Amino acid sequence: MAVGNYEAMLVFSVKESEDAAKALVEKFKALVEKNGTVESVDEWGKRKLAYLINKESEGYYALINFESTPD
């Protein structure tokens, strides 16, 4: 299969803490590295959501760019 370029925008709850959200970013990065190559991780940090999600108005944003096969 051909290798493709992908990006994943992650938005995590900051209800517990920003450190917990950062730990989840690292977890997803490790998951991607098992099946592909991480090109970059751009952590945007805590930002206001466009609308409430589960009664939360802020989320922790991170963008992961990676190469992987489609499967």
N, C-alpha and C. Protein backbone atom coordinates (compact mmCIF):
# COMPACT_ATOMS: atom_id res chain seq x y z
N MET A 1 0.83 -1.18 0.00
CA MET A 1 0.00 0.00 0.00
C MET A 1 0.88 1.25 0.00
N ALA A 2 0.35 2.28 -0.56
CA ALA A 2 1.07 3.55 -0.63
C ALA A 2 0.99 4.29 0.71
N VAL A 3 2.05 5.00 1.00
CA VAL A 3 2.09 5.82 2.21
C VAL A 3 1.47 7.17 1.91
N GLY A 4 0.63 7.65 2.81
CA GLY A 4 -0.03 8.94 2.62
C GLY A 4 0.27 9.89 3.77
N ASN A 5 0.05 11.17 3.52
CA ASN A 5 0.21 12.19 4.55
C ASN A 5 -1.14 12.47 5.19
N TYR A 6 -1.17 12.51 6.50
CA TYR A 6 -2.40 12.72 7.24
C TYR A 6 -2.19 13.75 8.34
N GLU A 7 -3.29 14.32 8.82
CA GLU A 7 -3.25 15.17 9.99
C GLU A 7 -4.44 14.84 10.87
N ALA A 8 -4.20 14.92 12.16
CA ALA A 8 -5.26 14.66 13.13
C ALA A 8 -5.34 15.85 14.09
N MET A 9 -6.51 16.45 14.17
CA MET A 9 -6.75 17.53 15.12
C MET A 9 -7.39 16.90 16.35
N LEU A 10 -6.73 17.04 17.48
CA LEU A 10 -7.22 16.47 18.72
C LEU A 10 -7.69 17.60 19.63
N VAL A 11 -8.82 17.40 20.28
CA VAL A 11 -9.33 18.36 21.26
C VAL A 11 -9.70 17.56 22.51
N PHE A 12 -9.01 17.88 23.61
CA PHE A 12 -9.22 17.16 24.86
C PHE A 12 -9.84 18.07 25.90
N SER A 13 -10.54 17.44 26.83
CA SER A 13 -11.12 18.16 27.96
C SER A 13 -10.01 18.67 28.87
N VAL A 14 -10.22 19.84 29.43
CA VAL A 14 -9.28 20.38 30.42
C VAL A 14 -9.94 20.38 31.81
N LYS A 15 -10.98 19.57 31.95
CA LYS A 15 -11.70 19.50 33.22
C LYS A 15 -10.77 19.07 34.35
N GLU A 16 -9.92 18.08 34.09
CA GLU A 16 -8.99 17.61 35.13
C GLU A 16 -7.80 18.56 35.22
N SER A 17 -7.03 18.68 34.12
CA SER A 17 -5.89 19.60 34.09
C SER A 17 -5.28 19.61 32.69
N GLU A 18 -4.49 20.63 32.42
CA GLU A 18 -3.79 20.68 31.13
C GLU A 18 -2.74 19.58 31.05
N ASP A 19 -2.15 19.21 32.18
CA ASP A 19 -1.15 18.14 32.19
C ASP A 19 -1.76 16.81 31.76
N ALA A 20 -2.99 16.56 32.15
CA ALA A 20 -3.68 15.33 31.74
C ALA A 20 -3.91 15.34 30.23
N ALA A 21 -4.25 16.50 29.68
CA ALA A 21 -4.44 16.62 28.23
C ALA A 21 -3.12 16.42 27.50
N LYS A 22 -2.03 16.97 28.03
CA LYS A 22 -0.71 16.80 27.41
C LYS A 22 -0.30 15.33 27.41
N ALA A 23 -0.65 14.61 28.48
CA ALA A 23 -0.35 13.18 28.55
C ALA A 23 -1.11 12.42 27.48
N LEU A 24 -2.34 12.83 27.20
CA LEU A 24 -3.13 12.18 26.14
C LEU A 24 -2.53 12.46 24.76
N VAL A 25 -2.00 13.66 24.56
CA VAL A 25 -1.33 13.98 23.28
C VAL A 25 -0.16 13.02 23.09
N GLU A 26 0.63 12.80 24.13
CA GLU A 26 1.78 11.89 24.05
C GLU A 26 1.32 10.46 23.77
N LYS A 27 0.19 10.06 24.36
CA LYS A 27 -0.36 8.72 24.14
C LYS A 27 -0.74 8.53 22.67
N PHE A 28 -1.43 9.52 22.10
CA PHE A 28 -1.82 9.43 20.69
C PHE A 28 -0.61 9.48 19.77
N LYS A 29 0.39 10.28 20.13
CA LYS A 29 1.62 10.35 19.34
C LYS A 29 2.30 8.98 19.31
N ALA A 30 2.37 8.31 20.45
CA ALA A 30 2.96 6.97 20.53
C ALA A 30 2.17 5.97 19.69
N LEU A 31 0.85 6.09 19.69
CA LEU A 31 0.01 5.21 18.89
C LEU A 31 0.28 5.40 17.41
N VAL A 32 0.40 6.64 16.97
CA VAL A 32 0.71 6.92 15.56
C VAL A 32 2.09 6.38 15.20
N GLU A 33 3.07 6.53 16.10
CA GLU A 33 4.43 6.07 15.82
C GLU A 33 4.51 4.56 15.66
N LYS A 34 3.58 3.80 16.23
CA LYS A 34 3.56 2.35 16.06
C LYS A 34 3.23 1.96 14.62
N ASN A 35 2.47 2.81 13.93
CA ASN A 35 1.98 2.47 12.61
C ASN A 35 2.41 3.44 11.52
N GLY A 36 3.22 4.43 11.86
CA GLY A 36 3.62 5.43 10.87
C GLY A 36 4.75 6.28 11.40
N THR A 37 4.95 7.43 10.75
CA THR A 37 6.01 8.36 11.12
C THR A 37 5.40 9.71 11.45
N VAL A 38 5.64 10.19 12.66
CA VAL A 38 5.15 11.50 13.07
C VAL A 38 6.06 12.57 12.46
N GLU A 39 5.48 13.48 11.70
CA GLU A 39 6.25 14.58 11.11
C GLU A 39 6.32 15.77 12.04
N SER A 40 5.19 16.09 12.69
CA SER A 40 5.20 17.22 13.63
C SER A 40 4.01 17.12 14.58
N VAL A 41 4.20 17.72 15.74
CA VAL A 41 3.13 17.85 16.73
C VAL A 41 3.08 19.32 17.11
N ASP A 42 1.95 19.95 16.85
CA ASP A 42 1.77 21.38 17.14
C ASP A 42 0.70 21.50 18.22
N GLU A 43 1.14 21.73 19.45
CA GLU A 43 0.20 21.86 20.56
C GLU A 43 -0.24 23.32 20.66
N TRP A 44 -1.52 23.56 20.42
CA TRP A 44 -2.07 24.91 20.47
C TRP A 44 -2.41 25.33 21.89
N GLY A 45 -2.54 24.35 22.77
CA GLY A 45 -2.87 24.65 24.17
C GLY A 45 -4.36 24.84 24.39
N LYS A 46 -4.68 25.45 25.51
CA LYS A 46 -6.08 25.63 25.91
C LYS A 46 -6.68 26.79 25.13
N ARG A 47 -7.82 26.51 24.50
CA ARG A 47 -8.54 27.52 23.71
C ARG A 47 -10.03 27.39 23.95
N LYS A 48 -10.72 28.46 23.66
CA LYS A 48 -12.18 28.48 23.79
C LYS A 48 -12.80 27.67 22.66
N LEU A 49 -13.79 26.85 23.00
CA LEU A 49 -14.53 26.09 22.00
C LEU A 49 -15.56 26.99 21.33
N ALA A 50 -15.93 26.66 20.10
CA ALA A 50 -16.93 27.45 19.38
C ALA A 50 -18.31 27.33 20.05
N TYR A 51 -18.56 26.21 20.69
CA TYR A 51 -19.82 25.99 21.39
C TYR A 51 -19.56 25.00 22.53
N LEU A 52 -20.45 24.94 23.48
CA LEU A 52 -20.28 24.04 24.62
C LEU A 52 -20.33 22.59 24.18
N ILE A 53 -19.41 21.80 24.71
CA ILE A 53 -19.42 20.35 24.51
C ILE A 53 -19.39 19.74 25.91
N ASN A 54 -20.42 18.98 26.22
CA ASN A 54 -20.56 18.39 27.57
C ASN A 54 -20.39 19.45 28.66
N LYS A 55 -21.01 20.60 28.43
CA LYS A 55 -21.02 21.74 29.36
C LYS A 55 -19.64 22.35 29.60
N GLU A 56 -18.70 22.09 28.68
CA GLU A 56 -17.36 22.68 28.79
C GLU A 56 -17.18 23.73 27.70
N SER A 57 -16.54 24.84 28.05
CA SER A 57 -16.36 25.93 27.10
C SER A 57 -14.93 26.03 26.57
N GLU A 58 -13.99 25.23 27.13
CA GLU A 58 -12.60 25.25 26.69
C GLU A 58 -12.10 23.83 26.44
N GLY A 59 -11.11 23.72 25.55
CA GLY A 59 -10.50 22.43 25.26
C GLY A 59 -9.02 22.62 24.98
N TYR A 60 -8.27 21.54 25.05
CA TYR A 60 -6.83 21.56 24.77
C TYR A 60 -6.65 21.03 23.35
N TYR A 61 -6.11 21.86 22.46
CA TYR A 61 -5.97 21.53 21.05
C TYR A 61 -4.55 21.08 20.72
N ALA A 62 -4.44 20.06 19.86
CA ALA A 62 -3.15 19.61 19.36
C ALA A 62 -3.36 19.10 17.93
N LEU A 63 -2.39 19.39 17.06
CA LEU A 63 -2.42 18.96 15.66
C LEU A 63 -1.23 18.05 15.43
N ILE A 64 -1.49 16.82 14.95
CA ILE A 64 -0.43 15.86 14.65
C ILE A 64 -0.42 15.62 13.15
N ASN A 65 0.72 15.88 12.49
CA ASN A 65 0.92 15.57 11.08
C ASN A 65 1.78 14.31 11.01
N PHE A 66 1.35 13.33 10.17
CA PHE A 66 2.08 12.07 10.13
C PHE A 66 1.94 11.40 8.77
N GLU A 67 2.82 10.44 8.52
CA GLU A 67 2.76 9.59 7.33
C GLU A 67 2.40 8.19 7.76
N SER A 68 1.55 7.55 6.99
CA SER A 68 1.12 6.19 7.33
C SER A 68 0.45 5.56 6.12
N THR A 69 0.33 4.25 6.16
CA THR A 69 -0.49 3.58 5.16
C THR A 69 -1.95 3.78 5.55
N PRO A 70 -2.88 3.67 4.62
CA PRO A 70 -4.28 3.92 4.93
C PRO A 70 -4.86 3.02 6.02
N ASP A 71 -4.35 1.81 6.13
CA ASP A 71 -4.89 0.91 7.16
C ASP A 71 -4.32 1.25 8.51
